[in-house]
Amino acid sequence: MTQTIAAQARPRLLTAAVLVALALPGAAFAQTAKERELEARIAQLESQVQALLGQQQQTAAQVQEVRTAQAAAPAVAAAPIPAGSQPIQATTITPQANPGTKFTVGGMIRIDGMATKTTDGDIAKGTAGRDFYVPGAIPVGGEGPDTYMDAHAKFSRLWFDASTVLDSGDKLGARVEMDFFGGTLGNSAATNTYGATLRHAYLTYNNWLVGQTWSNFMDTNALIDAVDFVGPTDAVVFVRQPQVRYTSGPWTVSIESPETTVQPFGGAARIIAGDNSAIPDVIARYTHKADWGHVSFAGMARQLKYEPAPGLDSTDTGFGATVSGLVKLGDSTDIRYQVSGGEGIGRYIGLATIQQDAMVDAAGNLDALGGWAGYFGVRQVFSPSVRGNLFYARSQWDNDTAWTGLGVTRKVHSVHANVIWSPVPKLDFGVEAIWGERTLESGVDGELMRLHTMARYSF
């Protein structure tokens, strides 16, 4: 603005000065008083011009000083928006959703590193047993001890939630969650690229849930605080699958996707039956919560089905029960446990990597495999930033060796001890020592010793 005023003033003042100069010669000595008046006016105009020029220079210097200070100043994070003020985004992030829908996003960045020693050969590279503790992958009867290291970021995770309370009071919700534990898209020598994996995808309507999530047979509130991705894999119920679930108070009832895993006659590699049962797995759970923790009971009934040859179906009935819970022993100590048993529950234990739901005899007839599994752990909080866990897990199975042979797993068990340090909220660094053993029906066994480290930032 100052520059504009000065630019406009200059030509006018110069024009006035020229006119005055032209008028002066004709009356040089005759009009002394008038000359003095004109000289005074010229002096006044020159003073105004000098003042405008000085103001312009001062303004330019101030602008340059501000620009220099801005360039030298460090970047400052934007201040949070006070509650009740206008949001940065003028429109909703979910324009096609019901009015008032709340959309949230979260996840975690997680890096795992492991040093492993196995007594009977190594675990095959690129398999799940190299990424976390999988007792069914422990080598047995191999060529001798082997030691190796692995690292990956596959368990990093991203999720999206949407929830709405309608004017009618009805509640709607949805969740999609993924990690990167999918198939290898690159190689560990260069890119370490992995595919995204769908973990959860479900909707909720009041007390109903429809979609893929944790099985109702699984008590997520009794899970061990492990550094390993799962922890007590030998015994834990750990399944995600499509289902329809209804919750009423402490009761939860569900029908879930049926799938049968089969141990073929003679001990061949397991089969995931392609011809699913026409009856879903039916599961009911009751949970009692109190100030001291919780206890939960679940029961399951299912039909097992296998087609040994085209047009020939064999079925059997499976059933199982589990009790689990968490008991607080003061403000800094708690116990977590789970015990499961039944026939035809192998798929639900240990990520379906230890044993199968059923065996097959020489005629192709299906027979549910019995077994039990359990874990027990103690969690101790040493300080607001340091905690630790000690736990033991085991499962054991009733193979009919006349059908399965002697090369199938009879039992697996493991001991774990870990320490987790959280220097600031949502940031965890952990280390866990693991000893595990797998024993076959022949009596041959193999051991695993592992030091598992983890860094995790949850957001």
Protein backbone atom coordinates (compact mmCIF):
# COMPACT_ATOMS: atom_id res chain seq x y z
CA MET A 1 0.00 0.00 0.00
CA THR A 2 2.84 2.38 0.94
CA GLN A 3 4.67 1.58 -2.29
CA THR A 4 1.56 2.44 -4.33
CA ILE A 5 1.07 5.84 -2.61
CA ALA A 6 4.70 6.77 -3.13
CA ALA A 7 4.62 5.76 -6.79
CA GLN A 8 1.53 7.89 -7.40
CA ALA A 9 2.95 10.91 -5.51
CA ARG A 10 6.26 11.15 -7.39
CA PRO A 11 4.99 12.26 -10.87
CA ARG A 12 2.58 14.80 -9.38
CA LEU A 13 5.29 16.44 -7.27
CA LEU A 14 7.78 16.53 -10.16
CA THR A 15 5.17 18.11 -12.46
CA ALA A 16 4.47 20.80 -9.89
CA ALA A 17 8.17 21.48 -9.52
CA VAL A 18 8.63 21.87 -13.32
CA LEU A 19 5.72 24.32 -13.62
CA VAL A 20 7.05 26.42 -10.82
CA ALA A 21 10.52 26.46 -12.43
CA LEU A 22 9.06 27.66 -15.75
CA ALA A 23 7.16 30.47 -14.06
CA LEU A 24 10.13 31.83 -12.14
CA PRO A 25 12.25 33.44 -14.96
CA GLY A 26 9.52 35.88 -16.08
CA ALA A 27 9.16 37.47 -12.66
CA ALA A 28 12.61 36.89 -11.22
CA PHE A 29 13.13 40.27 -9.56
CA ALA A 30 9.70 41.85 -9.76
CA GLN A 31 7.76 39.39 -7.54
CA THR A 32 10.08 38.63 -4.62
CA ALA A 33 7.27 37.90 -2.16
CA LYS A 34 5.56 35.49 -4.53
CA GLU A 35 8.89 33.77 -5.24
CA ARG A 36 9.42 33.21 -1.57
CA GLU A 37 5.94 31.71 -1.26
CA LEU A 38 6.58 29.32 -4.15
CA GLU A 39 9.95 28.28 -2.74
CA ALA A 40 8.28 27.53 0.59
CA ARG A 41 5.67 25.37 -1.14
CA ILE A 42 8.40 23.52 -3.10
CA ALA A 43 10.30 22.87 0.12
CA GLN A 44 7.13 21.54 1.74
CA LEU A 45 6.49 19.20 -1.21
CA GLU A 46 10.09 17.95 -1.13
CA SER A 47 9.70 17.23 2.58
CA GLN A 48 6.57 15.17 1.92
CA VAL A 49 8.33 13.21 -0.83
CA GLN A 50 11.26 12.44 1.46
CA ALA A 51 8.87 11.30 4.21
CA LEU A 52 7.02 8.98 1.82
CA LEU A 53 10.29 7.54 0.51
CA GLY A 54 11.54 6.96 4.05
CA GLN A 55 8.31 5.22 5.06
CA GLN A 56 8.54 2.99 1.97
CA GLN A 57 12.12 1.98 2.80
CA GLN A 58 11.19 1.24 6.43
CA THR A 59 8.26 -0.93 5.35
CA ALA A 60 10.43 -2.88 2.88
CA ALA A 61 13.04 -3.47 5.59
CA GLN A 62 10.35 -4.77 7.99
CA VAL A 63 8.97 -7.15 5.34
CA GLN A 64 12.46 -8.51 4.65
CA GLU A 65 13.09 -8.95 8.37
CA VAL A 66 9.87 -10.96 8.80
CA ARG A 67 10.68 -13.17 5.80
CA THR A 68 14.17 -13.86 7.12
CA ALA A 69 12.80 -14.78 10.56
CA GLN A 70 10.18 -17.10 9.02
CA ALA A 71 12.81 -18.89 6.95
CA ALA A 72 15.03 -19.43 10.00
CA ALA A 73 12.26 -20.52 12.39
CA PRO A 74 11.67 -24.30 12.92
CA ALA A 75 8.41 -25.87 11.75
CA VAL A 76 5.71 -25.75 14.43
CA ALA A 77 2.97 -28.37 14.65
CA ALA A 78 -0.54 -27.09 14.26
CA ALA A 79 -2.34 -26.50 17.53
CA PRO A 80 -5.14 -28.95 18.33
CA ILE A 81 -8.64 -27.84 17.53
CA PRO A 82 -10.41 -26.82 20.77
CA ALA A 83 -13.48 -28.83 21.65
CA GLY A 84 -16.61 -27.36 20.13
CA SER A 85 -14.80 -25.41 17.39
CA GLN A 86 -15.21 -25.95 13.66
CA PRO A 87 -13.41 -29.03 12.26
CA ILE A 88 -10.68 -28.70 9.65
CA GLN A 89 -12.65 -30.86 7.24
CA ALA A 90 -15.91 -29.26 6.19
CA THR A 91 -17.60 -32.52 5.20
CA THR A 92 -17.71 -36.00 6.68
CA ILE A 93 -15.10 -38.58 5.67
CA THR A 94 -17.96 -41.05 5.11
CA PRO A 95 -20.45 -39.10 2.95
CA GLN A 96 -22.44 -42.23 2.01
CA ALA A 97 -22.93 -43.35 5.63
CA ASN A 98 -25.78 -42.62 8.00
CA PRO A 99 -25.72 -39.11 9.51
CA GLY A 100 -23.61 -38.98 12.65
CA THR A 101 -21.38 -41.92 11.71
CA LYS A 102 -18.10 -41.94 13.60
CA PHE A 103 -15.14 -43.15 11.57
CA THR A 104 -11.85 -44.14 13.21
CA VAL A 105 -8.58 -45.61 12.00
CA GLY A 106 -5.78 -47.27 13.95
CA GLY A 107 -3.22 -50.02 13.94
CA MET A 108 0.36 -50.70 14.87
CA ILE A 109 3.85 -50.86 13.45
CA ARG A 110 5.59 -53.98 14.73
CA ILE A 111 9.08 -55.36 14.07
CA ASP A 112 10.05 -58.90 15.18
CA GLY A 113 13.53 -60.35 15.41
CA MET A 114 14.35 -63.95 16.46
CA ALA A 115 17.38 -66.09 17.11
CA THR A 116 16.42 -69.79 16.99
CA LYS A 117 18.13 -73.09 17.73
CA THR A 118 16.45 -76.39 16.91
CA THR A 119 17.95 -79.74 17.90
CA ASP A 120 16.84 -81.82 14.90
CA GLY A 121 17.34 -79.71 11.81
CA ASP A 122 16.00 -76.27 10.91
CA ILE A 123 12.47 -75.01 10.30
CA ALA A 124 11.92 -74.43 6.59
CA LYS A 125 12.56 -70.85 5.54
CA GLY A 126 9.48 -68.94 4.45
CA THR A 127 7.13 -70.91 6.71
CA ALA A 128 5.15 -69.58 9.69
CA GLY A 129 7.41 -71.35 12.20
CA ARG A 130 10.21 -68.95 11.28
CA ASP A 131 8.01 -65.91 12.08
CA PHE A 132 6.60 -66.94 15.46
CA TYR A 133 6.39 -69.97 17.76
CA VAL A 134 4.55 -72.81 15.99
CA PRO A 135 5.00 -76.04 18.00
CA GLY A 136 3.77 -78.24 15.18
CA ALA A 137 6.70 -76.99 13.07
CA ILE A 138 9.45 -78.07 15.52
CA PRO A 139 11.70 -80.52 13.58
CA VAL A 140 12.04 -84.03 15.00
CA GLY A 141 14.42 -86.84 14.06
CA GLY A 142 16.54 -84.55 11.91
CA GLU A 143 20.21 -84.16 11.19
CA GLY A 144 21.25 -82.38 14.37
CA PRO A 145 21.20 -78.88 15.86
CA ASP A 146 20.97 -75.74 13.75
CA THR A 147 20.95 -72.03 14.68
CA TYR A 148 19.51 -69.20 12.55
CA MET A 149 18.10 -65.67 12.76
CA ASP A 150 15.01 -64.04 11.23
CA ALA A 151 13.42 -60.58 11.21
CA HIS A 152 10.25 -59.18 9.67
CA ALA A 153 7.49 -56.58 9.95
CA LYS A 154 4.60 -58.85 8.84
CA PHE A 155 2.51 -58.34 11.97
CA SER A 156 2.14 -54.60 11.43
CA ARG A 157 -1.55 -53.88 11.33
CA LEU A 158 -4.18 -51.40 10.08
CA TRP A 159 -7.87 -51.23 10.93
CA PHE A 160 -10.91 -49.07 10.15
CA ASP A 161 -14.05 -48.73 12.28
CA ALA A 162 -17.41 -47.08 11.64
CA SER A 163 -20.16 -46.74 14.25
CA THR A 164 -23.53 -45.01 14.34
CA VAL A 165 -26.36 -44.53 16.82
CA LEU A 166 -29.53 -43.87 14.83
CA ASP A 167 -32.37 -41.57 15.96
CA SER A 168 -34.31 -44.75 16.73
CA GLY A 169 -31.59 -45.79 19.23
CA ASP A 170 -30.39 -48.68 17.04
CA LYS A 171 -26.62 -49.16 16.97
CA LEU A 172 -24.72 -49.97 13.80
CA GLY A 173 -21.03 -50.76 13.50
CA ALA A 174 -18.44 -52.22 11.16
CA ARG A 175 -14.75 -53.12 11.25
CA VAL A 176 -12.14 -54.05 8.68
CA GLU A 177 -8.66 -55.05 9.85
CA MET A 178 -5.61 -56.34 8.00
CA ASP A 179 -1.99 -57.23 8.57
CA PHE A 180 0.79 -58.23 6.18
CA PHE A 181 1.15 -61.91 6.97
CA GLY A 182 0.15 -62.86 3.43
CA GLY A 183 2.22 -64.65 0.85
CA THR A 184 5.69 -63.45 -0.05
CA LEU A 185 5.70 -60.96 -2.93
CA GLY A 186 9.43 -60.26 -2.82
CA ASN A 187 12.39 -61.93 -1.15
CA SER A 188 14.37 -61.50 2.04
CA ALA A 189 17.50 -60.70 0.05
CA ALA A 190 16.11 -57.45 -1.35
CA THR A 191 12.57 -56.16 -0.81
CA ASN A 192 10.97 -58.24 2.00
CA THR A 193 7.57 -57.56 0.43
CA TYR A 194 4.47 -59.35 1.73
CA GLY A 195 0.80 -59.38 0.86
CA ALA A 196 -1.96 -57.87 2.95
CA THR A 197 -4.08 -60.38 4.91
CA LEU A 198 -7.69 -59.93 5.95
CA ARG A 199 -8.03 -60.43 9.72
CA HIS A 200 -11.47 -59.06 10.59
CA ALA A 201 -14.41 -57.93 8.45
CA TYR A 202 -17.76 -57.76 10.22
CA LEU A 203 -20.83 -55.65 10.88
CA THR A 204 -22.79 -55.24 14.09
CA TYR A 205 -26.46 -54.38 14.55
CA ASN A 206 -27.49 -53.93 18.17
CA ASN A 207 -26.69 -57.33 19.77
CA TRP A 208 -25.94 -59.07 16.47
CA LEU A 209 -22.59 -59.61 14.77
CA VAL A 210 -22.23 -60.93 11.23
CA GLY A 211 -18.89 -61.46 9.54
CA GLN A 212 -15.36 -62.70 10.15
CA THR A 213 -13.78 -62.28 13.57
CA TRP A 214 -12.55 -64.32 16.54
CA SER A 215 -14.46 -67.52 17.19
CA ASN A 216 -16.87 -67.48 20.11
CA PHE A 217 -14.95 -70.52 21.39
CA MET A 218 -11.96 -68.20 22.03
CA ASP A 219 -11.61 -66.01 25.13
CA THR A 220 -9.53 -63.03 23.99
CA ASN A 221 -9.61 -61.50 27.48
CA ALA A 222 -7.60 -64.44 28.85
CA LEU A 223 -4.79 -64.20 26.30
CA ILE A 224 -1.24 -64.04 27.64
CA ASP A 225 0.71 -60.76 27.38
CA ALA A 226 3.35 -62.33 25.12
CA VAL A 227 6.20 -60.99 23.01
CA ASP A 228 5.74 -63.86 20.57
CA PHE A 229 2.82 -63.19 18.23
CA VAL A 230 0.62 -65.79 19.95
CA GLY A 231 2.53 -67.04 23.03
CA PRO A 232 1.04 -70.28 24.42
CA THR A 233 0.43 -71.63 20.92
CA ASP A 234 0.61 -75.25 22.18
CA ALA A 235 -2.75 -74.86 23.92
CA VAL A 236 -4.55 -71.63 23.04
CA VAL A 237 -7.87 -71.59 21.20
CA PHE A 238 -7.06 -69.33 18.26
CA VAL A 239 -9.44 -69.12 15.28
CA ARG A 240 -10.89 -66.32 13.13
CA GLN A 241 -13.76 -67.26 10.84
CA PRO A 242 -17.14 -66.15 9.41
CA GLN A 243 -20.04 -66.39 11.84
CA VAL A 244 -23.36 -65.06 13.04
CA ARG A 245 -23.33 -64.19 16.75
CA TYR A 246 -25.91 -62.92 19.25
CA THR A 247 -25.01 -61.46 22.65
CA SER A 248 -27.37 -60.95 25.57
CA GLY A 249 -25.80 -59.95 28.86
CA PRO A 250 -23.23 -62.58 29.85
CA TRP A 251 -24.40 -65.02 27.16
CA THR A 252 -23.05 -65.23 23.62
CA VAL A 253 -24.30 -67.77 21.06
CA SER A 254 -22.93 -68.23 17.56
CA ILE A 255 -23.09 -70.40 14.46
CA GLU A 256 -19.74 -70.51 12.68
CA SER A 257 -18.18 -71.72 9.46
CA PRO A 258 -17.74 -75.52 9.47
CA GLU A 259 -14.40 -76.88 8.36
CA THR A 260 -12.88 -80.30 9.00
CA THR A 261 -9.19 -81.16 9.08
CA VAL A 262 -8.40 -84.84 8.61
CA GLN A 263 -5.47 -87.13 9.36
CA PRO A 264 -5.50 -89.66 6.48
CA PHE A 265 -4.99 -93.35 7.06
CA GLY A 266 -1.36 -94.36 7.44
CA GLY A 267 -0.03 -90.98 8.55
CA ALA A 268 0.02 -89.01 5.29
CA ALA A 269 -0.09 -85.21 5.29
CA ARG A 270 -3.27 -83.70 6.68
CA ILE A 271 -6.26 -82.89 4.49
CA ILE A 272 -8.58 -79.92 4.80
CA ALA A 273 -11.88 -81.46 3.74
CA GLY A 274 -13.19 -79.75 0.64
CA ASP A 275 -16.80 -80.85 1.13
CA ASN A 276 -17.87 -78.83 4.16
CA SER A 277 -20.58 -79.97 6.51
CA ALA A 278 -24.07 -78.64 5.89
CA ILE A 279 -24.35 -77.89 9.63
CA PRO A 280 -22.44 -74.93 11.10
CA ASP A 281 -20.39 -75.23 14.27
CA VAL A 282 -22.63 -74.19 17.18
CA ILE A 283 -20.97 -72.45 20.14
CA ALA A 284 -22.35 -70.96 23.36
CA ARG A 285 -20.37 -68.96 25.93
CA TYR A 286 -21.15 -67.63 29.42
CA THR A 287 -18.85 -65.05 31.03
CA HIS A 288 -18.97 -63.84 34.63
CA LYS A 289 -17.15 -60.58 35.37
CA ALA A 290 -16.24 -59.19 38.78
CA ASP A 291 -13.76 -56.85 40.46
CA TRP A 292 -11.32 -59.75 40.81
CA GLY A 293 -11.35 -60.54 37.06
CA HIS A 294 -13.54 -62.91 35.04
CA VAL A 295 -14.26 -66.57 34.34
CA SER A 296 -15.73 -67.87 31.10
CA PHE A 297 -17.25 -71.21 30.02
CA ALA A 298 -17.82 -72.24 26.41
CA GLY A 299 -19.23 -75.34 24.76
CA MET A 300 -19.24 -76.41 21.13
CA ALA A 301 -21.01 -79.03 19.01
CA ARG A 302 -20.08 -79.68 15.40
CA GLN A 303 -20.42 -82.12 12.55
CA LEU A 304 -17.22 -83.46 10.97
CA LYS A 305 -17.43 -84.43 7.31
CA TYR A 306 -15.00 -86.01 4.87
CA GLU A 307 -15.33 -87.30 1.31
CA PRO A 308 -12.73 -90.05 0.82
CA ALA A 309 -13.96 -90.67 -2.71
CA PRO A 310 -16.41 -88.94 -5.07
CA GLY A 311 -19.95 -89.58 -3.93
CA LEU A 312 -18.84 -91.18 -0.66
CA ASP A 313 -19.27 -89.10 2.52
CA SER A 314 -18.21 -89.99 6.03
CA THR A 315 -19.34 -87.96 9.06
CA ASP A 316 -18.84 -87.90 12.80
CA THR A 317 -19.82 -85.67 15.69
CA GLY A 318 -17.34 -83.37 17.40
CA PHE A 319 -17.78 -81.60 20.72
CA GLY A 320 -15.64 -79.57 23.06
CA ALA A 321 -15.61 -77.37 26.14
CA THR A 322 -13.28 -74.73 27.49
CA VAL A 323 -12.93 -72.78 30.72
CA SER A 324 -10.76 -69.69 30.86
CA GLY A 325 -10.26 -66.54 32.85
CA LEU A 326 -8.18 -63.88 34.54
CA VAL A 327 -7.71 -63.56 38.30
CA LYS A 328 -6.25 -60.39 39.81
CA LEU A 329 -3.88 -60.88 42.73
CA GLY A 330 -3.63 -57.27 43.83
CA ASP A 331 -2.98 -54.21 41.69
CA SER A 332 0.17 -55.47 39.95
CA THR A 333 -0.24 -59.25 39.55
CA ASP A 334 -2.73 -61.44 37.69
CA ILE A 335 -3.12 -65.06 36.57
CA ARG A 336 -4.40 -66.03 33.12
CA TYR A 337 -5.46 -69.53 32.15
CA GLN A 338 -7.37 -71.72 29.73
CA VAL A 339 -8.19 -75.44 29.67
CA SER A 340 -9.93 -77.09 26.71
CA GLY A 341 -10.90 -80.65 25.89
CA GLY A 342 -13.12 -82.77 23.69
CA GLU A 343 -13.22 -84.70 20.44
CA GLY A 344 -12.94 -83.11 17.03
CA ILE A 345 -11.50 -79.77 18.27
CA GLY A 346 -8.00 -80.01 16.76
CA ARG A 347 -8.64 -77.20 14.27
CA TYR A 348 -9.43 -74.81 17.12
CA ILE A 349 -6.17 -75.38 19.03
CA GLY A 350 -2.84 -73.75 18.18
CA LEU A 351 -3.82 -72.21 14.82
CA ALA A 352 -4.71 -75.71 13.53
CA THR A 353 -0.99 -76.50 13.27
CA ILE A 354 -0.66 -79.25 15.90
CA GLN A 355 -3.37 -81.85 15.32
CA GLN A 356 -6.43 -82.56 13.22
CA ASP A 357 -10.14 -82.84 13.97
CA ALA A 358 -10.45 -86.47 12.94
CA MET A 359 -8.67 -89.65 11.83
CA VAL A 360 -9.61 -91.97 8.97
CA ASP A 361 -9.55 -95.77 9.10
CA ALA A 362 -8.64 -98.11 6.26
CA ALA A 363 -12.21 -98.03 4.93
CA GLY A 364 -12.32 -94.21 4.83
CA ASN A 365 -14.55 -93.87 7.88
CA LEU A 366 -14.10 -90.70 9.92
CA ASP A 367 -13.44 -90.79 13.67
CA ALA A 368 -13.16 -87.67 15.82
CA LEU A 369 -9.74 -87.24 17.44
CA GLY A 370 -9.76 -86.63 21.19
CA GLY A 371 -7.36 -84.45 23.13
CA TRP A 372 -6.90 -81.70 25.68
CA ALA A 373 -4.97 -78.44 25.91
CA GLY A 374 -4.21 -75.88 28.60
CA TYR A 375 -2.01 -72.98 29.61
CA PHE A 376 -1.30 -71.08 32.81
CA GLY A 377 0.54 -67.79 33.17
CA VAL A 378 1.48 -65.15 35.72
CA ARG A 379 1.77 -61.47 34.77
CA GLN A 380 3.68 -59.08 37.02
CA VAL A 381 3.80 -55.30 36.66
CA PHE A 382 7.12 -54.16 38.15
CA SER A 383 6.65 -50.44 37.48
CA PRO A 384 4.44 -48.21 35.31
CA SER A 385 6.79 -48.88 32.40
CA VAL A 386 8.03 -52.47 32.99
CA ARG A 387 6.05 -55.72 33.13
CA GLY A 388 6.84 -59.40 32.74
CA ASN A 389 5.14 -62.76 32.12
CA LEU A 390 5.94 -66.39 32.89
CA PHE A 391 3.73 -69.12 31.37
CA TYR A 392 3.51 -72.79 30.45
CA ALA A 393 1.39 -74.38 27.71
CA ARG A 394 0.68 -78.00 26.69
CA SER A 395 -1.59 -80.11 24.52
CA GLN A 396 -1.84 -83.90 24.19
CA TRP A 397 -3.73 -86.06 21.68
CA ASP A 398 -5.26 -89.56 21.56
CA ASN A 399 -4.12 -90.88 18.19
CA ASP A 400 -5.08 -94.39 17.19
CA THR A 401 -1.69 -95.42 15.83
CA ALA A 402 -3.19 -98.32 13.90
CA TRP A 403 -4.79 -95.66 11.70
CA THR A 404 -2.42 -92.71 11.97
CA GLY A 405 0.93 -94.46 12.18
CA LEU A 406 3.70 -93.40 14.56
CA GLY A 407 4.79 -90.23 12.77
CA VAL A 408 2.01 -87.98 14.09
CA THR A 409 2.27 -85.55 17.02
CA ARG A 410 1.37 -86.95 20.43
CA LYS A 411 2.14 -83.86 22.53
CA VAL A 412 3.68 -80.40 22.46
CA HIS A 413 4.57 -78.14 25.36
CA SER A 414 6.58 -74.99 26.03
CA VAL A 415 7.81 -72.55 28.69
CA HIS A 416 8.03 -68.79 28.08
CA ALA A 417 9.45 -65.88 30.09
CA ASN A 418 9.39 -62.28 28.89
CA VAL A 419 10.00 -58.67 29.89
CA ILE A 420 8.24 -55.75 28.18
CA TRP A 421 9.36 -52.13 28.58
CA SER A 422 7.04 -49.24 27.65
CA PRO A 423 9.06 -45.99 27.96
CA VAL A 424 6.03 -43.97 26.79
CA PRO A 425 2.39 -44.96 26.26
CA LYS A 426 1.69 -47.13 23.20
CA LEU A 427 5.39 -47.90 22.63
CA ASP A 428 6.62 -51.38 23.66
CA PHE A 429 9.99 -53.11 23.50
CA GLY A 430 10.01 -56.77 24.51
CA VAL A 431 12.21 -59.82 24.74
CA GLU A 432 10.99 -63.40 25.33
CA ALA A 433 12.90 -66.62 25.97
CA ILE A 434 11.11 -69.74 24.65
CA TRP A 435 11.72 -73.44 25.09
CA GLY A 436 9.43 -75.82 23.24
CA GLU A 437 9.28 -79.56 22.53
CA ARG A 438 7.31 -81.73 20.13
CA THR A 439 6.99 -85.52 20.63
CA LEU A 440 5.70 -88.02 18.08
CA GLU A 441 3.79 -91.21 18.79
CA SER A 442 7.03 -93.10 18.08
CA GLY A 443 8.68 -91.34 21.02
CA VAL A 444 11.01 -89.32 18.79
CA ASP A 445 11.13 -85.67 19.83
CA GLY A 446 12.72 -82.37 18.94
CA GLU A 447 13.36 -79.15 20.85
CA LEU A 448 13.34 -75.46 20.04
CA MET A 449 15.13 -72.67 21.89
CA ARG A 450 14.39 -69.12 20.79
CA LEU A 451 15.06 -65.54 21.84
CA HIS A 452 12.26 -63.42 20.41
CA THR A 453 12.48 -59.61 20.39
CA MET A 454 9.79 -57.13 19.44
CA ALA A 455 9.33 -53.36 18.95
CA ARG A 456 5.74 -52.11 18.62
CA TYR A 457 4.06 -48.72 18.31
CA SER A 458 0.27 -48.82 18.54
CA PHE A 459 -1.85 -45.94 17.28
